[in-house]
Amino acid sequence: MPTLTAPWRFWAIAYALQILVTGTNLPTPLYRGYEARFGFSPLVVTLIFAAYVAALIPSLLVAGPLSDAVGRRRVLLPALAVAALGSLSFALAQGTAWLFAARVLQGIAVGSASGALTAALTELHPAGDRRKAALVSAVASMGGLGLGPVLAGLVIGVGFLATTVGLLRAVQYFAGAAALLCLLVLILLTRPRRQIPAAAAPPARREVLADRRGRSG
């Protein structure tokens, strides 16, 4: 039976989207420290960014239809785990190859999770308002794009962390937060929902529920 969802589920998904995008943009100001530590050229930094895009685009093309077929949760949870693994790769990096691997993992994670998260926001909006869900998705994504470099820049600006070791620790701290986020989303999305007839929903919400029922039928 189609169900209504509590507002906290909607905002938990929005939070997950913002943290995911924040995490993938957090390393941007840190490359100078990695460049000094590993001795690579500015061209390598460009190639690292290119590796992210090369992983992102195929993931977007594959994960969207896949989440429609097998369900958002089955795509979202592994993607968040991959995001945490990418952050750990940055934190534990022992060479340039680690940075390439980390960015590839982050590209796969964002490409796989962003579509599922955006679709989940539309499906879980308490009133079934697609426009408001799209607005929240855009704000969360754009906020993450700006928040990641700002947070990393603030960490760099703190004197006792303005070292290579401090930079690596900063990324490692985020890796721990990303891992906790994966656990949080897992708990939220696997918790049983209260069954409420679709007829009790507002008109806009009934339309969303009807679409969902049509896909599952």
Foldseek 3Di string as FASTA:
>chain_A
DFAAADVVLLVLLLLLLLLLLLLLQQCVVVVVQVCVVAVDDVVLVVVLVVLLVVLQVVLLVPQLVVCLVPNLVVQQLVLLVLLLVLLVLLLPPPHSVSSSVSSNSSSNSCSNNLNSSLVVSCLRRNQNDNVVSVVSSVCSNVNSNPNSNVVSVVQCPDVVLVHSNSSSVVSVVSSVVSVVSSVVNVVSVPDDDDHDDLVPHHPSNSVSSVVVVVSVD
